[in-house]
């Protein structure tokens, strides 16, 4: 089955000056990123049966999240008829029926690997699972479409290639590039080289406590707020924001123990580099959805405004389609296309999302600062593609995506959640209802359900959207 993309939007081609910069940077960076086994990426085929796998073990600190294995079920939200999903646990009763029949996504085949977070490794170490993968690959063209193209995912593809004696592609970047682009320091360097220093926030890095403490002291003297970030972390992990006025009162010789304590509390083991940044006050934080096709096209799929927890303002809660001034939206599209065009020259394939903060005195005078790159799938992109796979027109409607969490829901199974929502569930057959369930992996452990709520533009833009989500099961 050909690859499906979620609602393609225009991508503005880079200017001749930026195009020349892309060519130069690609030439300079490619040798550094060509480590690992030789692979002719252009010879790989991305047609036929897609094997979806949600392995997040290569993301720094992600193991700190409870029930990390439960995210494996989210791979179903990217899959359509005839495709394959690998998971360490069986889908809950009624979940496949909801996706395949009620939403019309078609039946997929679930393959069970050994339990555990390292689902790619478990897939080749689970004899029955790997044997079935070999049968599928022998039946016709097959490729792996992962959450993240980690070294283990590529190892699974290599083992499968040897078993069937032909290349099995991974719809994602080569391992070295995947690791690099998910490292914030690499990304900040790339932005500075491509777009100039104003393309991101002021930043520095250190890989030992004396250097980190020195940089923290320097930044505290320059900026009102600063942050330290572990370079390859995600989901608001590995991040600490400081009011610089508090740091300025700390004696110079006390900064090192302070940094050591704070980094230890974030889970830093001393092996990862640490980013020090100016923490700018932003008007909005946006997530930009991109896709690089196997034939080298850079697709821009949408701009979303991110929603954060009120009691933890750096932790992602959800998103809504962003309504921005035309000039700002065009700037974001142009910059993100240039970034992905450079990544494409380096061998990037598949999903990529980038985060930016919008800063300035008001909505009409906005600067864009690129602050993060997710060279993988994520909550926004999964929901975006899920909706597109159901009905392309859904993406044109105003909606909010996010999560509802209540410990009481942990006593419910999937079927009872469906019953609780009743006629509020969106029905593609007649267009009734407003709620789509796209991830239930954390239902049993945390009482959490990830949903898309169709609404109107007024509600979608409301600052009370989190309250609306919290009331989902109470009315």
Protein backbone atom coordinates (compact mmCIF):
# COMPACT_ATOMS: atom_id res chain seq x y z
CA UNK A 1 0.00 0.00 0.00
CA UNK A 2 1.43 3.44 -0.89
CA UNK A 3 2.41 5.75 1.96
CA UNK A 4 -0.37 8.10 3.08
CA UNK A 5 0.35 11.64 4.18
CA UNK A 6 -1.82 13.71 6.48
CA UNK A 7 -3.29 16.67 4.65
CA UNK A 8 -0.53 18.19 2.54
CA UNK A 9 -0.01 21.94 2.69
CA UNK A 10 2.13 24.17 0.50
CA UNK A 11 5.87 24.20 1.13
CA UNK A 12 7.62 27.42 0.18
CA UNK A 13 10.87 26.78 -1.70
CA UNK A 14 14.03 28.30 -0.17
CA UNK A 15 15.45 31.46 -1.70
CA UNK A 16 18.54 31.08 -3.92
CA UNK A 17 20.73 32.35 -1.06
CA UNK A 18 19.30 29.82 1.41
CA UNK A 19 19.48 27.07 -1.22
CA UNK A 20 23.22 27.77 -1.65
CA UNK A 21 23.65 27.62 2.14
CA UNK A 22 21.78 24.29 2.26
CA UNK A 23 24.10 22.82 -0.37
CA UNK A 24 27.21 23.97 1.47
CA UNK A 25 26.04 22.75 4.87
CA UNK A 26 24.94 19.38 3.47
CA UNK A 27 28.39 18.91 1.94
CA UNK A 28 30.11 19.84 5.23
CA UNK A 29 27.87 17.74 7.49
CA UNK A 30 27.37 14.59 5.43
CA UNK A 31 30.75 12.96 6.22
CA UNK A 32 30.10 13.30 9.95
CA UNK A 33 26.72 11.57 9.67
CA UNK A 34 27.70 8.72 7.36
CA UNK A 35 28.83 6.40 10.14
CA UNK A 36 27.41 2.91 10.43
CA UNK A 37 26.70 0.16 7.88
CA UNK A 38 26.64 1.11 4.22
CA UNK A 39 23.08 1.38 2.93
CA UNK A 40 21.89 2.45 -0.48
CA UNK A 41 18.90 4.45 0.74
CA UNK A 42 17.73 5.10 -2.82
CA UNK A 43 17.47 1.35 -3.45
CA UNK A 44 14.99 0.82 -0.60
CA UNK A 45 11.35 0.31 -1.55
CA UNK A 46 8.58 2.00 0.42
CA UNK A 47 5.53 0.34 -1.03
CA UNK A 48 3.54 -2.73 -0.04
CA UNK A 49 3.00 -3.66 3.61
CA UNK A 50 4.00 -1.15 6.29
CA UNK A 51 5.11 -2.54 9.65
CA UNK A 52 4.39 0.00 12.37
CA UNK A 53 6.47 -0.08 15.52
CA UNK A 54 6.59 2.35 18.45
CA UNK A 55 10.04 1.97 20.03
CA UNK A 56 11.09 5.02 22.07
CA UNK A 57 14.01 3.51 23.99
CA UNK A 58 16.63 5.71 22.31
CA UNK A 59 15.13 8.96 23.63
CA UNK A 60 17.04 10.28 26.62
CA UNK A 61 15.20 10.07 29.96
CA UNK A 62 12.08 8.62 28.33
CA UNK A 63 12.54 5.56 30.49
CA UNK A 64 11.59 7.75 33.46
CA UNK A 65 8.02 7.95 32.22
CA UNK A 66 5.76 5.40 33.89
CA UNK A 67 4.31 2.65 31.70
CA UNK A 68 6.50 3.51 28.70
CA UNK A 69 5.50 0.20 27.09
CA UNK A 70 1.91 1.42 26.87
CA UNK A 71 2.87 3.91 24.15
CA UNK A 72 3.38 0.93 21.81
CA UNK A 73 -0.39 0.75 21.26
CA UNK A 74 -0.25 4.25 19.73
CA UNK A 75 1.26 2.72 16.59
CA UNK A 76 -2.29 1.64 15.68
CA UNK A 77 -3.27 5.28 15.14
CA UNK A 78 -0.84 5.47 12.18
CA UNK A 79 -1.86 2.18 10.58
CA UNK A 80 -4.48 1.48 7.92
CA UNK A 81 -6.00 -1.56 6.21
CA UNK A 82 -3.65 -4.48 5.57
CA UNK A 83 -0.73 -3.06 7.57
CA UNK A 84 1.01 -4.57 10.60
CA UNK A 85 1.41 -3.33 14.18
CA UNK A 86 4.01 -4.82 16.54
CA UNK A 87 3.35 -4.48 20.26
CA UNK A 88 4.44 -6.02 23.54
CA UNK A 89 0.82 -6.42 24.60
CA UNK A 90 -2.46 -7.38 23.00
CA UNK A 91 -4.81 -4.51 22.13
CA UNK A 92 -7.72 -4.24 24.57
CA UNK A 93 -10.97 -5.93 23.64
CA UNK A 94 -12.96 -3.80 21.21
CA UNK A 95 -10.04 -1.51 20.27
CA UNK A 96 -9.34 -3.06 16.86
CA UNK A 97 -13.05 -3.18 16.07
CA UNK A 98 -13.34 0.55 16.90
CA UNK A 99 -10.48 1.47 14.58
CA UNK A 100 -11.10 -1.01 11.78
CA UNK A 101 -14.88 -0.92 11.50
CA UNK A 102 -16.36 2.01 13.40
CA UNK A 103 -13.76 4.51 12.13
CA UNK A 104 -13.34 2.67 8.82
CA UNK A 105 -9.54 2.40 8.97
CA UNK A 106 -9.60 -1.28 7.97
CA UNK A 107 -8.25 -4.36 9.69
CA UNK A 108 -4.57 -4.54 10.62
CA UNK A 109 -2.53 -7.51 11.81
CA UNK A 110 -1.24 -7.32 15.38
CA UNK A 111 2.04 -9.13 16.09
CA UNK A 112 2.90 -9.81 19.70
CA UNK A 113 6.53 -9.40 20.78
CA UNK A 114 7.94 -10.11 24.20
CA UNK A 115 6.88 -7.56 26.82
CA UNK A 116 9.19 -4.63 27.47
CA UNK A 117 10.04 -1.16 26.22
CA UNK A 118 12.61 -2.33 23.63
CA UNK A 119 9.94 -3.54 21.22
CA UNK A 120 12.19 -3.61 18.12
CA UNK A 121 14.76 -5.83 19.83
CA UNK A 122 11.98 -7.92 21.33
CA UNK A 123 10.47 -8.40 17.86
CA UNK A 124 13.55 -10.20 16.53
CA UNK A 125 14.12 -12.07 19.80
CA UNK A 126 10.52 -13.33 19.90
CA UNK A 127 10.64 -16.33 17.56
CA UNK A 128 6.97 -16.40 16.60
CA UNK A 129 6.88 -12.66 15.91
CA UNK A 130 10.02 -12.67 13.77
CA UNK A 131 8.94 -15.75 11.82
CA UNK A 132 5.67 -14.04 10.96
CA UNK A 133 7.56 -10.92 9.83
CA UNK A 134 9.64 -13.12 7.51
CA UNK A 135 6.45 -14.64 6.06
CA UNK A 136 4.98 -11.18 5.45
CA UNK A 137 8.18 -9.94 3.80
CA UNK A 138 8.35 -13.04 1.61
CA UNK A 139 4.78 -12.45 0.44
CA UNK A 140 5.60 -9.08 -1.14
CA UNK A 141 7.14 -5.62 -0.74
CA UNK A 142 7.48 -4.68 2.92
CA UNK A 143 9.00 -1.81 4.88
CA UNK A 144 9.20 -0.71 8.52
CA UNK A 145 7.50 2.55 9.48
CA UNK A 146 8.78 3.30 12.99
CA UNK A 147 7.99 5.88 15.62
CA UNK A 148 11.72 6.64 15.55
CA UNK A 149 14.39 5.19 13.25
CA UNK A 150 16.68 4.11 16.08
CA UNK A 151 19.63 1.74 15.78
CA UNK A 152 17.47 -1.15 17.04
CA UNK A 153 14.82 -0.49 14.38
CA UNK A 154 17.50 -0.55 11.66
CA UNK A 155 18.90 -3.74 13.18
CA UNK A 156 15.45 -5.33 12.93
CA UNK A 157 15.28 -4.28 9.26
CA UNK A 158 18.78 -5.67 8.60
CA UNK A 159 17.90 -9.02 10.21
CA UNK A 160 14.70 -9.20 8.19
CA UNK A 161 16.60 -8.28 5.01
CA UNK A 162 19.03 -11.15 5.54
CA UNK A 163 16.19 -13.57 6.25
CA UNK A 164 14.38 -12.78 2.98
CA UNK A 165 17.50 -11.96 0.93
CA UNK A 166 16.40 -8.48 -0.20
CA UNK A 167 16.54 -4.98 1.32
CA UNK A 168 13.84 -4.02 3.80
CA UNK A 169 13.51 -0.26 4.13
CA UNK A 170 13.00 1.86 7.21
CA UNK A 171 10.86 4.96 6.62
CA UNK A 172 13.13 7.16 8.67
CA UNK A 173 16.64 8.61 8.67
CA UNK A 174 19.82 6.52 8.99
CA UNK A 175 20.71 5.88 12.67
CA UNK A 176 23.49 8.49 12.95
CA UNK A 177 21.30 11.24 11.50
CA UNK A 178 18.33 10.14 13.63
CA UNK A 179 20.43 10.41 16.79
CA UNK A 180 21.91 13.75 15.75
CA UNK A 181 18.69 15.55 14.83
CA UNK A 182 17.06 14.49 18.11
CA UNK A 183 19.95 16.16 19.96
CA UNK A 184 19.11 19.79 20.75
CA UNK A 185 22.72 20.98 20.51
CA UNK A 186 23.07 19.60 16.98
CA UNK A 187 19.76 21.25 16.08
CA UNK A 188 20.74 24.65 17.52
CA UNK A 189 24.03 24.58 15.60
CA UNK A 190 22.16 23.68 12.42
CA UNK A 191 19.71 26.57 12.90
CA UNK A 192 22.49 29.10 13.50
CA UNK A 193 24.36 27.97 10.39
CA UNK A 194 21.25 27.88 8.21
CA UNK A 195 19.09 30.76 9.45
CA UNK A 196 21.50 32.84 11.51
CA UNK A 197 21.80 33.41 15.30
CA UNK A 198 18.38 35.11 15.50
CA UNK A 199 16.76 31.87 14.27
CA UNK A 200 16.99 30.40 17.76
CA UNK A 201 17.42 31.53 21.37
CA UNK A 202 20.77 32.42 22.90
CA UNK A 203 22.45 29.15 23.90
CA UNK A 204 25.62 27.45 25.05
CA UNK A 205 26.46 23.95 26.23
CA UNK A 206 28.73 22.05 28.57
CA UNK A 207 29.60 18.43 29.20
CA UNK A 208 31.03 18.75 32.70
CA UNK A 209 29.92 20.53 35.87
CA UNK A 210 32.60 23.30 35.88
CA UNK A 211 31.76 24.29 32.29
CA UNK A 212 28.01 24.08 32.86
CA UNK A 213 28.24 26.20 36.03
CA UNK A 214 30.35 28.83 34.26
CA UNK A 215 27.83 29.09 31.42
CA UNK A 216 24.90 29.24 33.87
CA UNK A 217 26.58 32.15 35.70
CA UNK A 218 27.25 33.99 32.44
CA UNK A 219 23.68 33.55 31.18
CA UNK A 220 22.17 34.56 34.54
CA UNK A 221 24.02 37.87 34.30
CA UNK A 222 22.69 38.53 30.79
CA UNK A 223 19.08 37.32 30.80
CA UNK A 224 16.07 37.52 33.11
CA UNK A 225 15.30 33.80 32.92
CA UNK A 226 17.44 30.89 31.80
CA UNK A 227 17.07 27.12 31.56
CA UNK A 228 19.22 24.03 31.56
CA UNK A 229 18.19 21.15 29.31
CA UNK A 230 19.59 17.67 28.85
CA UNK A 231 20.31 17.65 25.14
CA UNK A 232 18.41 14.56 23.96
CA UNK A 233 15.47 14.57 26.38
CA UNK A 234 11.80 15.02 25.50
CA UNK A 235 8.26 15.53 26.85
CA UNK A 236 9.35 18.29 29.24
CA UNK A 237 11.86 15.95 30.88
CA UNK A 238 15.42 17.08 31.55
CA UNK A 239 14.41 20.74 31.83
CA UNK A 240 14.81 23.25 34.65
CA UNK A 241 13.95 26.96 34.37
CA UNK A 242 15.54 29.54 36.69
CA UNK A 243 14.73 33.11 37.60
CA UNK A 244 18.12 34.71 37.07
CA UNK A 245 17.69 37.10 40.01
CA UNK A 246 17.90 34.06 42.30
CA UNK A 247 21.05 32.76 40.62
CA UNK A 248 22.78 36.14 40.85
CA UNK A 249 22.69 35.90 44.65
CA UNK A 250 24.53 32.56 44.61
CA UNK A 251 28.25 32.72 45.35
CA UNK A 252 30.42 31.72 42.39
CA UNK A 253 31.86 28.70 44.22
CA UNK A 254 28.31 27.53 45.06
CA UNK A 255 27.14 27.37 41.44
CA UNK A 256 28.84 24.04 40.77
CA UNK A 257 27.11 22.14 43.60
CA UNK A 258 23.81 23.84 42.68
CA UNK A 259 24.11 22.71 39.05
CA UNK A 260 25.13 19.21 40.18
CA UNK A 261 22.05 18.93 42.42
CA UNK A 262 19.63 20.26 39.82
CA UNK A 263 20.98 18.02 37.06
CA UNK A 264 20.90 14.97 39.32
CA UNK A 265 17.24 15.71 40.07
CA UNK A 266 16.61 15.72 36.30
CA UNK A 267 18.20 12.29 35.90
CA UNK A 268 21.49 13.44 34.38
CA UNK A 269 24.13 10.71 34.60
CA UNK A 270 27.04 12.87 33.43
CA UNK A 271 27.29 11.32 29.98
CA UNK A 272 24.98 13.68 28.06
CA UNK A 273 25.82 17.24 27.12
CA UNK A 274 23.76 19.95 28.79
CA UNK A 275 22.24 22.91 26.99
CA UNK A 276 22.03 26.33 28.66
CA UNK A 277 19.52 28.70 27.04
CA UNK A 278 17.90 32.07 27.46
CA UNK A 279 14.28 31.37 28.45
CA UNK A 280 12.41 33.97 26.42
CA UNK A 281 8.87 35.05 27.17
CA UNK A 282 6.79 33.78 24.26
CA UNK A 283 3.46 34.75 22.77
CA UNK A 284 2.86 31.20 21.55
CA UNK A 285 4.65 27.89 21.20
CA UNK A 286 4.00 26.11 17.92
CA UNK A 287 4.62 22.63 16.57
CA UNK A 288 5.21 22.40 12.81
CA UNK A 289 4.44 19.10 11.10
CA UNK A 290 6.70 18.06 8.21
CA UNK A 291 7.17 14.89 6.16
CA UNK A 292 10.07 14.04 3.83
CA UNK A 293 8.98 11.53 1.18
CA UNK A 294 11.25 8.77 -0.16
CA UNK A 295 11.48 10.60 -3.49
CA UNK A 296 12.86 13.70 -1.75
CA UNK A 297 9.80 15.95 -1.51
CA UNK A 298 9.53 18.12 1.60
CA UNK A 299 5.89 18.28 2.71
CA UNK A 300 4.52 20.89 5.10
CA UNK A 301 1.40 19.56 6.83
CA UNK A 302 0.32 22.15 9.36
CA UNK A 303 1.10 24.47 12.25
CA UNK A 304 -0.27 23.69 15.71
CA UNK A 305 -0.31 25.80 18.85
CA UNK A 306 0.89 23.75 21.80
CA UNK A 307 -1.03 23.57 25.09
CA UNK A 308 0.83 23.00 28.34
CA UNK A 309 -0.26 21.87 31.79
CA UNK A 310 -1.33 24.75 34.00
CA UNK A 311 0.46 23.31 37.03
CA UNK A 312 3.51 22.29 34.95
CA UNK A 313 3.83 24.91 32.21
CA UNK A 314 6.69 23.17 30.43
CA UNK A 315 4.93 19.81 30.08
CA UNK A 316 3.01 19.15 26.87
CA UNK A 317 -0.72 18.64 27.30
CA UNK A 318 -2.16 18.95 23.81
CA UNK A 319 -2.49 21.18 20.76
CA UNK A 320 -4.89 23.03 18.48
CA UNK A 321 -4.65 24.25 14.90
CA UNK A 322 -2.98 27.63 14.99
CA UNK A 323 -4.50 30.79 13.48
CA UNK A 324 -1.57 33.14 12.83
CA UNK A 325 -1.07 36.33 10.83
CA UNK A 326 -0.25 35.46 7.22
CA UNK A 327 3.25 36.94 7.44
CA UNK A 328 4.11 34.84 10.50
CA UNK A 329 2.67 31.64 9.03
CA UNK A 330 4.63 32.21 5.81
CA UNK A 331 7.84 32.78 7.78
CA UNK A 332 7.30 29.52 9.69
CA UNK A 333 6.56 27.57 6.51
CA UNK A 334 9.58 29.04 4.73
CA UNK A 335 11.99 28.36 7.63
CA UNK A 336 10.72 24.84 8.34
CA UNK A 337 10.91 23.95 4.65
CA UNK A 338 14.53 25.15 4.53
CA UNK A 339 15.41 23.11 7.62
CA UNK A 340 13.81 19.95 6.24
CA UNK A 341 15.39 20.53 2.83
CA UNK A 342 18.80 20.43 4.50
CA UNK A 343 17.83 17.29 6.44
CA UNK A 344 16.63 15.72 3.19
CA UNK A 345 20.06 16.37 1.61
CA UNK A 346 21.59 14.54 4.57
CA UNK A 347 19.42 11.47 3.98
CA UNK A 348 16.37 12.21 6.11
CA UNK A 349 13.11 10.37 5.44
CA UNK A 350 9.73 10.32 7.09
CA UNK A 351 8.09 12.28 9.86
CA UNK A 352 9.75 15.34 11.37
CA UNK A 353 8.23 17.96 13.63
CA UNK A 354 9.86 21.14 14.87
CA UNK A 355 8.93 23.43 17.74
CA UNK A 356 9.28 27.20 17.71
CA UNK A 357 8.39 29.98 20.10
CA UNK A 358 6.92 33.23 18.81
CA UNK A 359 8.34 36.26 20.58
CA UNK A 360 7.72 39.99 20.25
CA UNK A 361 5.75 42.89 21.69
CA UNK A 362 2.47 41.85 20.03
CA UNK A 363 0.88 39.54 17.44
CA UNK A 364 1.79 41.88 14.57
CA UNK A 365 5.50 42.06 15.42
CA UNK A 366 6.63 38.47 15.80
CA UNK A 367 10.03 36.83 15.62
CA UNK A 368 10.35 33.06 15.26
CA UNK A 369 12.83 31.14 17.42
CA UNK A 370 13.33 27.46 16.60
CA UNK A 371 13.89 25.57 19.86
CA UNK A 372 13.41 21.84 19.30
CA UNK A 373 13.34 19.16 16.62
CA UNK A 374 11.61 15.81 16.94
CA UNK A 375 13.02 13.56 14.25
CA UNK A 376 10.26 11.06 14.90
CA UNK A 377 6.51 10.79 15.41
CA UNK A 378 4.77 12.45 18.36
CA UNK A 379 1.41 13.22 19.91
CA UNK A 380 0.48 15.97 17.45
CA UNK A 381 1.66 14.22 14.28
CA UNK A 382 0.03 10.92 15.28
CA UNK A 383 -3.34 12.62 15.86
CA UNK A 384 -2.97 14.64 12.65
CA UNK A 385 -2.36 11.55 10.50
CA UNK A 386 -5.00 9.53 12.38
CA UNK A 387 -7.63 12.13 11.43
CA UNK A 388 -6.42 12.30 7.83
CA UNK A 389 -6.63 8.52 7.50
CA UNK A 390 -10.23 8.55 8.73
CA UNK A 391 -11.48 11.41 6.55
CA UNK A 392 -9.29 14.04 4.93
CA UNK A 393 -11.91 16.73 5.53
CA UNK A 394 -11.58 16.35 9.30
CA UNK A 395 -8.35 18.37 9.22
CA UNK A 396 -10.27 21.35 7.84
CA UNK A 397 -12.51 21.46 10.92
CA UNK A 398 -11.47 23.25 14.13
CA UNK A 399 -10.36 20.76 16.75
CA UNK A 400 -8.32 20.32 19.90
CA UNK A 401 -6.22 17.29 20.72
CA UNK A 402 -5.11 16.35 24.19
CA UNK A 403 -5.56 13.96 27.07
CA UNK A 404 -8.08 13.37 29.80
CA UNK A 405 -6.74 11.72 32.95
CA UNK A 406 -8.59 10.56 36.03
CA UNK A 407 -7.52 7.65 38.24
CA UNK A 408 -11.15 6.52 38.36
CA UNK A 409 -11.00 5.70 34.65
CA UNK A 410 -8.30 3.09 35.34
CA UNK A 411 -11.08 0.78 36.53
CA UNK A 412 -12.70 0.95 33.07
CA UNK A 413 -11.87 -1.10 30.02
CA UNK A 414 -11.95 0.24 26.48
CA UNK A 415 -15.52 -0.87 25.79
CA UNK A 416 -16.82 0.93 28.88
CA UNK A 417 -14.96 4.11 27.85
CA UNK A 418 -16.79 3.91 24.51
CA UNK A 419 -20.06 3.48 26.38
CA UNK A 420 -19.31 6.47 28.65
CA UNK A 421 -18.79 8.71 25.64
CA UNK A 422 -21.86 7.34 23.88
CA UNK A 423 -23.14 9.53 21.05
CA UNK A 424 -20.31 12.02 21.64
CA UNK A 425 -18.03 9.64 19.74
CA UNK A 426 -17.46 10.85 16.20
CA UNK A 427 -19.12 8.56 13.64
CA UNK A 428 -17.62 8.81 10.12
CA UNK A 429 -20.69 7.10 8.69
CA UNK A 430 -22.95 10.11 9.35
CA UNK A 431 -20.66 12.84 10.73
CA UNK A 432 -22.29 12.89 14.17
CA UNK A 433 -20.36 13.22 17.42
CA UNK A 434 -17.27 15.24 18.29
CA UNK A 435 -14.77 12.96 20.07
CA UNK A 436 -12.21 10.56 18.57
CA UNK A 437 -10.08 8.28 20.74
CA UNK A 438 -6.57 7.88 19.34
CA UNK A 439 -4.52 6.43 22.19
CA UNK A 440 -5.58 4.32 25.17
CA UNK A 441 -2.24 2.77 26.16
CA UNK A 442 -2.21 4.52 29.55
CA UNK A 443 -5.84 3.80 30.42
CA UNK A 444 -5.14 0.86 32.69
CA UNK A 445 -2.13 2.32 34.50
CA UNK A 446 -3.08 6.01 34.79
CA UNK A 447 -6.70 6.38 33.73
CA UNK A 448 -5.58 8.44 30.72
CA UNK A 449 -7.26 8.65 27.32
CA UNK A 450 -5.84 10.69 24.42
CA UNK A 451 -8.56 12.26 22.31
CA UNK A 452 -9.34 14.66 19.50
CA UNK A 453 -12.31 16.95 20.16
CA UNK A 454 -14.02 18.53 17.16
CA UNK A 455 -15.35 21.95 18.06
CA UNK A 456 -15.74 25.45 16.63
CA UNK A 457 -13.07 28.10 16.11
CA UNK A 458 -14.15 30.10 19.15
CA UNK A 459 -13.80 27.15 21.52
CA UNK A 460 -10.66 25.85 19.77
CA UNK A 461 -8.95 29.18 20.43
CA UNK A 462 -10.14 29.45 24.03
CA UNK A 463 -7.65 29.51 26.89
CA UNK A 464 -10.12 27.29 28.79
CA UNK A 465 -9.57 24.37 26.42
CA UNK A 466 -7.85 22.32 29.15
CA UNK A 467 -10.93 22.70 31.34
CA UNK A 468 -13.06 21.54 28.41
CA UNK A 469 -10.94 18.39 28.16
CA UNK A 470 -11.14 17.83 31.90
CA UNK A 471 -14.94 17.89 31.69
CA UNK A 472 -15.01 15.30 28.91
CA UNK A 473 -16.41 12.43 30.96
CA UNK A 474 -18.34 14.50 33.51
CA UNK A 475 -21.26 15.78 31.45
